[in-house]
Full PDB file with SEQRES, HELIX, SHEET, SSBOND, CRYST1, ORIGX, SCALE, CONECT and MASTER records, all heavy atoms in Angstrom:
SEQRES   1 A   40  HIS CYS GLY ASP SER GLY TYR SER GLY GLY THR ILE LEU          
SEQRES   2 A   40  LYS CYS GLY TYR ARG ALA MET VAL GLN GLY SER ALA SER          
SEQRES   3 A   40  ASP LEU TRP PRO ALA VAL GLU GLN VAL GLY GLY GLU THR          
SEQRES   4 A   40  GLY                                                          
HELIX    1 AA1 ALA A   25  GLU A   33  1                                   9    
HELIX    2 AA2 GLY A   37  THR A   39  5                                   3    
CRYST1    1.000    1.000    1.000  90.00  90.00  90.00 P 1           1          
ORIGX1      1.000000  0.000000  0.000000        0.00000                         
ORIGX2      0.000000  1.000000  0.000000        0.00000                         
ORIGX3      0.000000  0.000000  1.000000        0.00000                         
SCALE1      1.000000  0.000000  0.000000        0.00000                         
SCALE2      0.000000  1.000000  0.000000        0.00000                         
SCALE3      0.000000  0.000000  1.000000        0.00000                         
ATOM      1  N   HIS A   1      25.338-121.782 167.191  1.00  0.00           N  
ATOM      2  CA  HIS A   1      24.698-123.098 167.165  1.00  0.00           C  
ATOM      3  C   HIS A   1      23.696-123.265 168.321  1.00  0.00           C  
ATOM      4  O   HIS A   1      23.106-124.346 168.444  1.00  0.00           O  
ATOM      5  CB  HIS A   1      25.778-124.228 167.343  1.00  0.00           C  
ATOM      6  CG  HIS A   1      26.779-124.276 166.258  1.00  0.00           C  
ATOM      7  ND1 HIS A   1      26.437-124.775 164.939  1.00  0.00           N  
ATOM      8  CD2 HIS A   1      28.024-123.908 166.167  1.00  0.00           C  
ATOM      9  CE1 HIS A   1      27.562-124.647 164.194  1.00  0.00           C  
ATOM     10  NE2 HIS A   1      28.549-124.188 164.934  1.00  0.00           N  
ATOM     11  N   CYS A   2      23.466-122.242 169.020  1.00  0.00           N  
ATOM     12  CA  CYS A   2      22.696-122.336 170.229  1.00  0.00           C  
ATOM     13  C   CYS A   2      21.302-121.688 170.188  1.00  0.00           C  
ATOM     14  O   CYS A   2      20.620-121.456 171.186  1.00  0.00           O  
ATOM     15  CB  CYS A   2      23.429-121.704 171.384  1.00  0.00           C  
ATOM     16  SG  CYS A   2      24.938-122.615 171.752  1.00  0.00           S  
ATOM     17  N   GLY A   3      20.853-121.389 168.929  1.00  0.00           N  
ATOM     18  CA  GLY A   3      19.502-120.944 168.790  1.00  0.00           C  
ATOM     19  C   GLY A   3      19.245-119.478 169.043  1.00  0.00           C  
ATOM     20  O   GLY A   3      20.194-118.685 168.910  1.00  0.00           O  
ATOM     21  N   ASP A   4      18.124-119.158 169.557  1.00  0.00           N  
ATOM     22  CA  ASP A   4      17.650-117.700 169.684  1.00  0.00           C  
ATOM     23  C   ASP A   4      18.212-117.092 170.965  1.00  0.00           C  
ATOM     24  O   ASP A   4      19.158-117.582 171.547  1.00  0.00           O  
ATOM     25  CB  ASP A   4      16.177-117.616 169.513  1.00  0.00           C  
ATOM     26  CG  ASP A   4      15.747-116.271 169.034  1.00  0.00           C  
ATOM     27  OD1 ASP A   4      16.618-115.411 168.740  1.00  0.00           O  
ATOM     28  OD2 ASP A   4      14.572-115.982 169.172  1.00  0.00           O  
ATOM     29  N   SER A   5      17.505-116.097 171.412  1.00  0.00           N  
ATOM     30  CA  SER A   5      17.988-115.278 172.538  1.00  0.00           C  
ATOM     31  C   SER A   5      18.019-116.051 173.869  1.00  0.00           C  
ATOM     32  O   SER A   5      18.449-115.569 174.892  1.00  0.00           O  
ATOM     33  CB  SER A   5      17.111-114.043 172.740  1.00  0.00           C  
ATOM     34  OG  SER A   5      15.721-114.432 172.883  1.00  0.00           O  
ATOM     35  N   GLY A   6      17.619-117.315 173.875  1.00  0.00           N  
ATOM     36  CA  GLY A   6      17.709-118.126 175.082  1.00  0.00           C  
ATOM     37  C   GLY A   6      19.092-118.610 175.310  1.00  0.00           C  
ATOM     38  O   GLY A   6      19.371-119.314 176.309  1.00  0.00           O  
ATOM     39  N   TYR A   7      20.109-118.316 174.412  1.00  0.00           N  
ATOM     40  CA  TYR A   7      21.437-118.746 174.584  1.00  0.00           C  
ATOM     41  C   TYR A   7      21.991-118.317 176.004  1.00  0.00           C  
ATOM     42  O   TYR A   7      21.850-117.106 176.305  1.00  0.00           O  
ATOM     43  CB  TYR A   7      22.320-118.138 173.438  1.00  0.00           C  
ATOM     44  CG  TYR A   7      23.821-118.324 173.677  1.00  0.00           C  
ATOM     45  CD1 TYR A   7      24.314-119.627 173.817  1.00  0.00           C  
ATOM     46  CD2 TYR A   7      24.656-117.185 173.749  1.00  0.00           C  
ATOM     47  CE1 TYR A   7      25.695-119.792 174.025  1.00  0.00           C  
ATOM     48  CE2 TYR A   7      25.975-117.387 173.947  1.00  0.00           C  
ATOM     49  CZ  TYR A   7      26.529-118.629 174.082  1.00  0.00           C  
ATOM     50  OH  TYR A   7      27.891-118.820 174.249  1.00  0.00           O  
ATOM     51  N   SER A   8      22.557-119.203 176.704  1.00  0.00           N  
ATOM     52  CA  SER A   8      22.938-118.938 178.083  1.00  0.00           C  
ATOM     53  C   SER A   8      24.070-117.978 178.214  1.00  0.00           C  
ATOM     54  O   SER A   8      24.355-117.340 179.227  1.00  0.00           O  
ATOM     55  CB  SER A   8      23.354-120.280 178.754  1.00  0.00           C  
ATOM     56  OG  SER A   8      24.408-120.865 178.087  1.00  0.00           O  
ATOM     57  N   GLY A   9      24.814-117.792 177.085  1.00  0.00           N  
ATOM     58  CA  GLY A   9      25.955-116.839 177.131  1.00  0.00           C  
ATOM     59  C   GLY A   9      25.535-115.401 176.905  1.00  0.00           C  
ATOM     60  O   GLY A   9      26.355-114.519 176.893  1.00  0.00           O  
ATOM     61  N   GLY A  10      24.226-115.071 176.650  1.00  0.00           N  
ATOM     62  CA  GLY A  10      23.822-113.757 176.487  1.00  0.00           C  
ATOM     63  C   GLY A  10      22.751-113.590 175.438  1.00  0.00           C  
ATOM     64  O   GLY A  10      22.341-114.590 174.801  1.00  0.00           O  
ATOM     65  N   THR A  11      22.287-112.381 175.264  1.00  0.00           N  
ATOM     66  CA  THR A  11      21.213-112.095 174.314  1.00  0.00           C  
ATOM     67  C   THR A  11      21.786-111.877 172.903  1.00  0.00           C  
ATOM     68  O   THR A  11      22.738-111.119 172.745  1.00  0.00           O  
ATOM     69  CB  THR A  11      20.441-110.837 174.776  1.00  0.00           C  
ATOM     70  OG1 THR A  11      19.894-111.102 176.081  1.00  0.00           O  
ATOM     71  CG2 THR A  11      19.312-110.511 173.752  1.00  0.00           C  
ATOM     72  N   ILE A  12      21.252-112.566 171.957  1.00  0.00           N  
ATOM     73  CA  ILE A  12      21.651-112.380 170.557  1.00  0.00           C  
ATOM     74  C   ILE A  12      20.750-111.261 169.968  1.00  0.00           C  
ATOM     75  O   ILE A  12      19.557-111.447 169.870  1.00  0.00           O  
ATOM     76  CB  ILE A  12      21.512-113.724 169.771  1.00  0.00           C  
ATOM     77  CG1 ILE A  12      22.426-114.731 170.400  1.00  0.00           C  
ATOM     78  CG2 ILE A  12      21.943-113.444 168.277  1.00  0.00           C  
ATOM     79  CD1 ILE A  12      22.219-116.142 169.836  1.00  0.00           C  
ATOM     80  N   LEU A  13      21.419-110.194 169.526  1.00  0.00           N  
ATOM     81  CA  LEU A  13      20.638-109.061 168.908  1.00  0.00           C  
ATOM     82  C   LEU A  13      20.629-109.193 167.411  1.00  0.00           C  
ATOM     83  O   LEU A  13      21.589-109.665 166.857  1.00  0.00           O  
ATOM     84  CB  LEU A  13      21.321-107.783 169.331  1.00  0.00           C  
ATOM     85  CG  LEU A  13      21.496-107.588 170.882  1.00  0.00           C  
ATOM     86  CD1 LEU A  13      22.308-106.341 171.184  1.00  0.00           C  
ATOM     87  CD2 LEU A  13      20.060-107.429 171.536  1.00  0.00           C  
ATOM     88  N   LYS A  14      19.594-108.714 166.776  1.00  0.00           N  
ATOM     89  CA  LYS A  14      19.330-108.909 165.315  1.00  0.00           C  
ATOM     90  C   LYS A  14      18.789-107.777 164.730  1.00  0.00           C  
ATOM     91  O   LYS A  14      18.080-106.911 165.268  1.00  0.00           O  
ATOM     92  CB  LYS A  14      18.395-110.135 165.104  1.00  0.00           C  
ATOM     93  CG  LYS A  14      18.591-111.366 166.004  1.00  0.00           C  
ATOM     94  CD  LYS A  14      17.503-112.355 165.777  1.00  0.00           C  
ATOM     95  CE  LYS A  14      17.440-113.290 166.915  1.00  0.00           C  
ATOM     96  NZ  LYS A  14      16.934-112.695 168.186  1.00  0.00           N  
ATOM     97  N   CYS A  15      19.220-107.597 163.423  1.00  0.00           N  
ATOM     98  CA  CYS A  15      18.597-106.626 162.523  1.00  0.00           C  
ATOM     99  C   CYS A  15      18.463-107.242 161.131  1.00  0.00           C  
ATOM    100  O   CYS A  15      19.453-107.645 160.553  1.00  0.00           O  
ATOM    101  CB  CYS A  15      19.457-105.383 162.479  1.00  0.00           C  
ATOM    102  SG  CYS A  15      18.819-104.054 161.387  1.00  0.00           S  
ATOM    103  N   GLY A  16      17.199-107.390 160.651  1.00  0.00           N  
ATOM    104  CA  GLY A  16      16.961-108.075 159.402  1.00  0.00           C  
ATOM    105  C   GLY A  16      16.142-107.283 158.445  1.00  0.00           C  
ATOM    106  O   GLY A  16      15.201-106.534 158.894  1.00  0.00           O  
ATOM    107  N   TYR A  17      16.412-107.455 157.196  1.00  0.00           N  
ATOM    108  CA  TYR A  17      15.578-106.821 156.150  1.00  0.00           C  
ATOM    109  C   TYR A  17      15.355-107.848 155.031  1.00  0.00           C  
ATOM    110  O   TYR A  17      16.163-108.788 154.764  1.00  0.00           O  
ATOM    111  CB  TYR A  17      16.205-105.505 155.516  1.00  0.00           C  
ATOM    112  CG  TYR A  17      15.959-104.312 156.310  1.00  0.00           C  
ATOM    113  CD1 TYR A  17      16.722-103.999 157.481  1.00  0.00           C  
ATOM    114  CD2 TYR A  17      14.832-103.484 156.048  1.00  0.00           C  
ATOM    115  CE1 TYR A  17      16.383-102.933 158.252  1.00  0.00           C  
ATOM    116  CE2 TYR A  17      14.597-102.308 156.781  1.00  0.00           C  
ATOM    117  CZ  TYR A  17      15.417-102.046 157.881  1.00  0.00           C  
ATOM    118  OH  TYR A  17      15.024-100.979 158.599  1.00  0.00           O  
ATOM    119  N   ARG A  18      14.125-107.774 154.460  1.00  0.00           N  
ATOM    120  CA  ARG A  18      13.772-108.657 153.367  1.00  0.00           C  
ATOM    121  C   ARG A  18      12.957-108.000 152.308  1.00  0.00           C  
ATOM    122  O   ARG A  18      12.319-107.011 152.530  1.00  0.00           O  
ATOM    123  CB  ARG A  18      12.976-109.934 153.850  1.00  0.00           C  
ATOM    124  CG  ARG A  18      11.687-109.532 154.396  1.00  0.00           C  
ATOM    125  CD  ARG A  18      11.087-110.570 155.392  1.00  0.00           C  
ATOM    126  NE  ARG A  18      11.384-111.930 155.056  1.00  0.00           N  
ATOM    127  CZ  ARG A  18      11.260-113.005 155.909  1.00  0.00           C  
ATOM    128  NH1 ARG A  18      10.860-112.725 157.169  1.00  0.00           N  
ATOM    129  NH2 ARG A  18      11.540-114.166 155.543  1.00  0.00           N  
ATOM    130  N   ALA A  19      13.055-108.421 151.021  1.00  0.00           N  
ATOM    131  CA  ALA A  19      12.383-107.871 149.911  1.00  0.00           C  
ATOM    132  C   ALA A  19      12.140-108.864 148.849  1.00  0.00           C  
ATOM    133  O   ALA A  19      12.959-109.799 148.634  1.00  0.00           O  
ATOM    134  CB  ALA A  19      13.091-106.609 149.306  1.00  0.00           C  
ATOM    135  N   MET A  20      10.998-108.827 148.124  1.00  0.00           N  
ATOM    136  CA  MET A  20      10.663-109.738 147.075  1.00  0.00           C  
ATOM    137  C   MET A  20      11.272-109.118 145.777  1.00  0.00           C  
ATOM    138  O   MET A  20      11.117-107.926 145.503  1.00  0.00           O  
ATOM    139  CB  MET A  20       9.208-109.946 146.903  1.00  0.00           C  
ATOM    140  CG  MET A  20       8.765-111.186 146.175  1.00  0.00           C  
ATOM    141  SD  MET A  20       9.268-112.646 147.088  1.00  0.00           S  
ATOM    142  CE  MET A  20       8.100-112.584 148.440  1.00  0.00           C  
ATOM    143  N   VAL A  21      12.011-109.984 145.035  1.00  0.00           N  
ATOM    144  CA  VAL A  21      12.723-109.505 143.820  1.00  0.00           C  
ATOM    145  C   VAL A  21      12.260-110.313 142.622  1.00  0.00           C  
ATOM    146  O   VAL A  21      12.105-111.547 142.701  1.00  0.00           O  
ATOM    147  CB  VAL A  21      14.219-109.587 144.047  1.00  0.00           C  
ATOM    148  CG1 VAL A  21      14.970-109.057 142.834  1.00  0.00           C  
ATOM    149  CG2 VAL A  21      14.692-108.921 145.341  1.00  0.00           C  
ATOM    150  N   GLN A  22      12.184-109.663 141.514  1.00  0.00           N  
ATOM    151  CA  GLN A  22      11.886-110.346 140.238  1.00  0.00           C  
ATOM    152  C   GLN A  22      13.209-111.023 139.797  1.00  0.00           C  
ATOM    153  O   GLN A  22      14.207-110.375 139.779  1.00  0.00           O  
ATOM    154  CB  GLN A  22      11.385-109.306 139.204  1.00  0.00           C  
ATOM    155  CG  GLN A  22      10.994-109.989 137.897  1.00  0.00           C  
ATOM    156  CD  GLN A  22      10.522-108.976 136.882  1.00  0.00           C  
ATOM    157  OE1 GLN A  22      11.151-107.902 136.750  1.00  0.00           O  
ATOM    158  NE2 GLN A  22       9.489-109.262 136.177  1.00  0.00           N  
ATOM    159  N   GLY A  23      13.094-112.243 139.383  1.00  0.00           N  
ATOM    160  CA  GLY A  23      14.255-112.939 138.919  1.00  0.00           C  
ATOM    161  C   GLY A  23      14.504-114.256 139.799  1.00  0.00           C  
ATOM    162  O   GLY A  23      13.865-114.420 140.819  1.00  0.00           O  
ATOM    163  N   SER A  24      15.456-115.060 139.342  1.00  0.00           N  
ATOM    164  CA  SER A  24      15.853-116.223 140.040  1.00  0.00           C  
ATOM    165  C   SER A  24      17.001-116.038 140.974  1.00  0.00           C  
ATOM    166  O   SER A  24      17.684-115.027 140.967  1.00  0.00           O  
ATOM    167  CB  SER A  24      16.155-117.369 139.039  1.00  0.00           C  
ATOM    168  OG  SER A  24      17.377-117.001 138.292  1.00  0.00           O  
ATOM    169  N   ALA A  25      17.270-117.072 141.769  1.00  0.00           N  
ATOM    170  CA  ALA A  25      18.392-117.000 142.726  1.00  0.00           C  
ATOM    171  C   ALA A  25      19.741-116.855 141.907  1.00  0.00           C  
ATOM    172  O   ALA A  25      20.681-116.161 142.273  1.00  0.00           O  
ATOM    173  CB  ALA A  25      18.413-118.241 143.582  1.00  0.00           C  
ATOM    174  N   SER A  26      19.740-117.606 140.741  1.00  0.00           N  
ATOM    175  CA  SER A  26      20.940-117.552 139.931  1.00  0.00           C  
ATOM    176  C   SER A  26      21.191-116.152 139.384  1.00  0.00           C  
ATOM    177  O   SER A  26      22.375-115.733 139.111  1.00  0.00           O  
ATOM    178  CB  SER A  26      20.848-118.650 138.760  1.00  0.00           C  
ATOM    179  OG  SER A  26      20.812-119.925 139.284  1.00  0.00           O  
ATOM    180  N   ASP A  27      20.093-115.432 139.075  1.00  0.00           N  
ATOM    181  CA  ASP A  27      20.217-114.121 138.581  1.00  0.00           C  
ATOM    182  C   ASP A  27      20.824-113.178 139.603  1.00  0.00           C  
ATOM    183  O   ASP A  27      21.586-112.289 139.269  1.00  0.00           O  
ATOM    184  CB  ASP A  27      18.827-113.552 138.169  1.00  0.00           C  
ATOM    185  CG  ASP A  27      18.231-114.266 136.984  1.00  0.00           C  
ATOM    186  OD1 ASP A  27      18.998-114.754 136.152  1.00  0.00           O  
ATOM    187  OD2 ASP A  27      16.980-114.319 136.891  1.00  0.00           O  
ATOM    188  N   LEU A  28      20.424-113.362 140.891  1.00  0.00           N  
ATOM    189  CA  LEU A  28      20.826-112.446 141.887  1.00  0.00           C  
ATOM    190  C   LEU A  28      22.191-112.811 142.543  1.00  0.00           C  
ATOM    191  O   LEU A  28      22.942-111.941 143.039  1.00  0.00           O  
ATOM    192  CB  LEU A  28      19.826-112.470 143.073  1.00  0.00           C  
ATOM    193  CG  LEU A  28      18.530-111.714 142.761  1.00  0.00           C  
ATOM    194  CD1 LEU A  28      17.516-111.992 143.908  1.00  0.00           C  
ATOM    195  CD2 LEU A  28      18.823-110.223 142.682  1.00  0.00           C  
ATOM    196  N   TRP A  29      22.611-114.114 142.448  1.00  0.00           N  
ATOM    197  CA  TRP A  29      23.781-114.583 143.155  1.00  0.00           C  
ATOM    198  C   TRP A  29      25.061-113.849 142.875  1.00  0.00           C  
ATOM    199  O   TRP A  29      25.861-113.529 143.682  1.00  0.00           O  
ATOM    200  CB  TRP A  29      23.985-116.067 142.957  1.00  0.00           C  
ATOM    201  CG  TRP A  29      25.130-116.539 143.668  1.00  0.00           C  
ATOM    202  CD1 TRP A  29      26.397-116.980 143.136  1.00  0.00           C  
ATOM    203  CD2 TRP A  29      25.275-116.718 145.126  1.00  0.00           C  
ATOM    204  NE1 TRP A  29      27.210-117.339 144.251  1.00  0.00           N  
ATOM    205  CE2 TRP A  29      26.592-117.176 145.411  1.00  0.00           C  
ATOM    206  CE3 TRP A  29      24.441-116.464 146.197  1.00  0.00           C  
ATOM    207  CZ2 TRP A  29      27.026-117.443 146.686  1.00  0.00           C  
ATOM    208  CZ3 TRP A  29      24.864-116.649 147.465  1.00  0.00           C  
ATOM    209  CH2 TRP A  29      26.184-117.207 147.726  1.00  0.00           C  
ATOM    210  N   PRO A  30      25.391-113.521 141.546  1.00  0.00           N  
ATOM    211  CA  PRO A  30      26.592-112.804 141.214  1.00  0.00           C  
ATOM    212  C   PRO A  30      26.730-111.469 142.052  1.00  0.00           C  
ATOM    213  O   PRO A  30      27.794-111.163 142.519  1.00  0.00           O  
ATOM    214  CB  PRO A  30      26.491-112.494 139.724  1.00  0.00           C  
ATOM    215  CG  PRO A  30      25.671-113.615 139.241  1.00  0.00           C  
ATOM    216  CD  PRO A  30      24.654-113.889 140.297  1.00  0.00           C  
ATOM    217  N   ALA A  31      25.666-110.785 142.206  1.00  0.00           N  
ATOM    218  CA  ALA A  31      25.733-109.550 143.000  1.00  0.00           C  
ATOM    219  C   ALA A  31      26.088-109.834 144.520  1.00  0.00           C  
ATOM    220  O   ALA A  31      26.763-109.124 145.094  1.00  0.00           O  
ATOM    221  CB  ALA A  31      24.429-108.740 142.881  1.00  0.00           C  
ATOM    222  N   VAL A  32      25.493-110.977 145.043  1.00  0.00           N  
ATOM    223  CA  VAL A  32      25.777-111.353 146.387  1.00  0.00           C  
ATOM    224  C   VAL A  32      27.222-111.801 146.526  1.00  0.00           C  
ATOM    225  O   VAL A  32      27.932-111.325 147.394  1.00  0.00           O  
ATOM    226  CB  VAL A  32      24.841-112.440 146.790  1.00  0.00           C  
ATOM    227  CG1 VAL A  32      25.287-112.973 148.191  1.00  0.00           C  
ATOM    228  CG2 VAL A  32      23.424-111.952 146.835  1.00  0.00           C  
ATOM    229  N   GLU A  33      27.716-112.569 145.556  1.00  0.00           N  
ATOM    230  CA  GLU A  33      29.097-113.107 145.727  1.00  0.00           C  
ATOM    231  C   GLU A  33      30.134-112.020 145.539  1.00  0.00           C  
ATOM    232  O   GLU A  33      31.236-112.174 146.004  1.00  0.00           O  
ATOM    233  CB  GLU A  33      29.240-114.244 144.681  1.00  0.00           C  
ATOM    234  CG  GLU A  33      30.547-115.013 144.930  1.00  0.00           C  
ATOM    235  CD  GLU A  33      30.669-116.254 143.981  1.00  0.00           C  
ATOM    236  OE1 GLU A  33      29.862-116.318 142.969  1.00  0.00           O  
ATOM    237  OE2 GLU A  33      31.489-117.030 144.239  1.00  0.00           O  
ATOM    238  N   GLN A  34      29.820-110.940 144.862  1.00  0.00           N  
ATOM    239  CA  GLN A  34      30.799-109.919 144.559  1.00  0.00           C  
ATOM    240  C   GLN A  34      30.775-108.829 145.643  1.00  0.00           C  
ATOM    241  O   GLN A  34      31.445-107.795 145.455  1.00  0.00           O  
ATOM    242  CB  GLN A  34      30.509-109.348 143.155  1.00  0.00           C  
ATOM    243  CG  GLN A  34      30.871-110.300 142.005  1.00  0.00           C  
ATOM    244  CD  GLN A  34      30.363-109.833 140.692  1.00  0.00           C  
ATOM    245  OE1 GLN A  34      30.381-108.611 140.487  1.00  0.00           O  
ATOM    246  NE2 GLN A  34      30.028-110.764 139.821  1.00  0.00           N  
ATOM    247  N   VAL A  35      30.012-108.994 146.695  1.00  0.00           N  
ATOM    248  CA  VAL A  35      29.921-107.881 147.669  1.00  0.00           C  
ATOM    249  C   VAL A  35      31.262-107.621 148.276  1.00  0.00           C  
ATOM    250  O   VAL A  35      32.158-108.494 148.462  1.00  0.00           O  
ATOM    251  CB  VAL A  35      28.908-108.287 148.807  1.00  0.00           C  
ATOM    252  CG1 VAL A  35      29.464-109.496 149.598  1.00  0.00           C  
ATOM    253  CG2 VAL A  35      28.555-107.110 149.688  1.00  0.00           C  
ATOM    254  N   GLY A  36      31.507-106.362 148.713  1.00  0.00           N  
ATOM    255  CA  GLY A  36      32.695-105.942 149.333  1.00  0.00           C  
ATOM    256  C   GLY A  36      33.902-105.742 148.379  1.00  0.00           C  
ATOM    257  O   GLY A  36      33.734-105.802 147.156  1.00  0.00           O  
ATOM    258  N   GLY A  37      35.056-105.543 148.905  1.00  0.00           N  
ATOM    259  CA  GLY A  37      36.266-105.287 147.972  1.00  0.00           C  
ATOM    260  C   GLY A  37      35.979-104.034 147.150  1.00  0.00           C  
ATOM    261  O   GLY A  37      35.473-103.035 147.570  1.00  0.00           O  
ATOM    262  N   GLU A  38      36.439-104.182 145.866  1.00  0.00           N  
ATOM    263  CA  GLU A  38      36.289-103.051 144.924  1.00  0.00           C  
ATOM    264  C   GLU A  38      34.856-102.708 144.618  1.00  0.00           C  
ATOM    265  O   GLU A  38      34.469-101.584 144.322  1.00  0.00           O  
ATOM    266  CB  GLU A  38      37.129-103.289 143.675  1.00  0.00           C  
ATOM    267  CG  GLU A  38      38.605-103.377 143.875  1.00  0.00           C  
ATOM    268  CD  GLU A  38      39.286-103.626 142.525  1.00  0.00           C  
ATOM    269  OE1 GLU A  38      38.648-103.491 141.511  1.00  0.00           O  
ATOM    270  OE2 GLU A  38      40.496-104.022 142.616  1.00  0.00           O  
ATOM    271  N   THR A  39      34.038-103.712 144.733  1.00  0.00           N  
ATOM    272  CA  THR A  39      32.591-103.588 144.461  1.00  0.00           C  
ATOM    273  C   THR A  39      31.827-102.764 145.435  1.00  0.00           C  
ATOM    274  O   THR A  39      30.992-101.900 145.145  1.00  0.00           O  
ATOM    275  CB  THR A  39      31.908-104.930 144.335  1.00  0.00           C  
ATOM    276  OG1 THR A  39      32.476-105.676 143.266  1.00  0.00           O  
ATOM    277  CG2 THR A  39      30.364-104.716 143.963  1.00  0.00           C  
ATOM    278  N   GLY A  40      32.284-102.840 146.694  1.00  0.00           N  
ATOM    279  CA  GLY A  40      31.641-102.176 147.807  1.00  0.00           C  
ATOM    280  C   GLY A  40      30.377-102.879 148.276  1.00  0.00           C  
ATOM    281  O   GLY A  40      30.200-104.061 147.950  1.00  0.00           O  
TER     282      GLY A  40                                                      
MASTER        0    0    0    2    0    0    0    6  281    1    0    4          
END                                                                             
């Protein structure tokens, strides 16, 4: 809740990736919601 690396408790380190995908959020959501477990 404390924002970016200015947090007084230490530096928040990040690693992010983004990509443009054909389709709607509803099309992609099942794959997101099924992450982990047996799906991997």
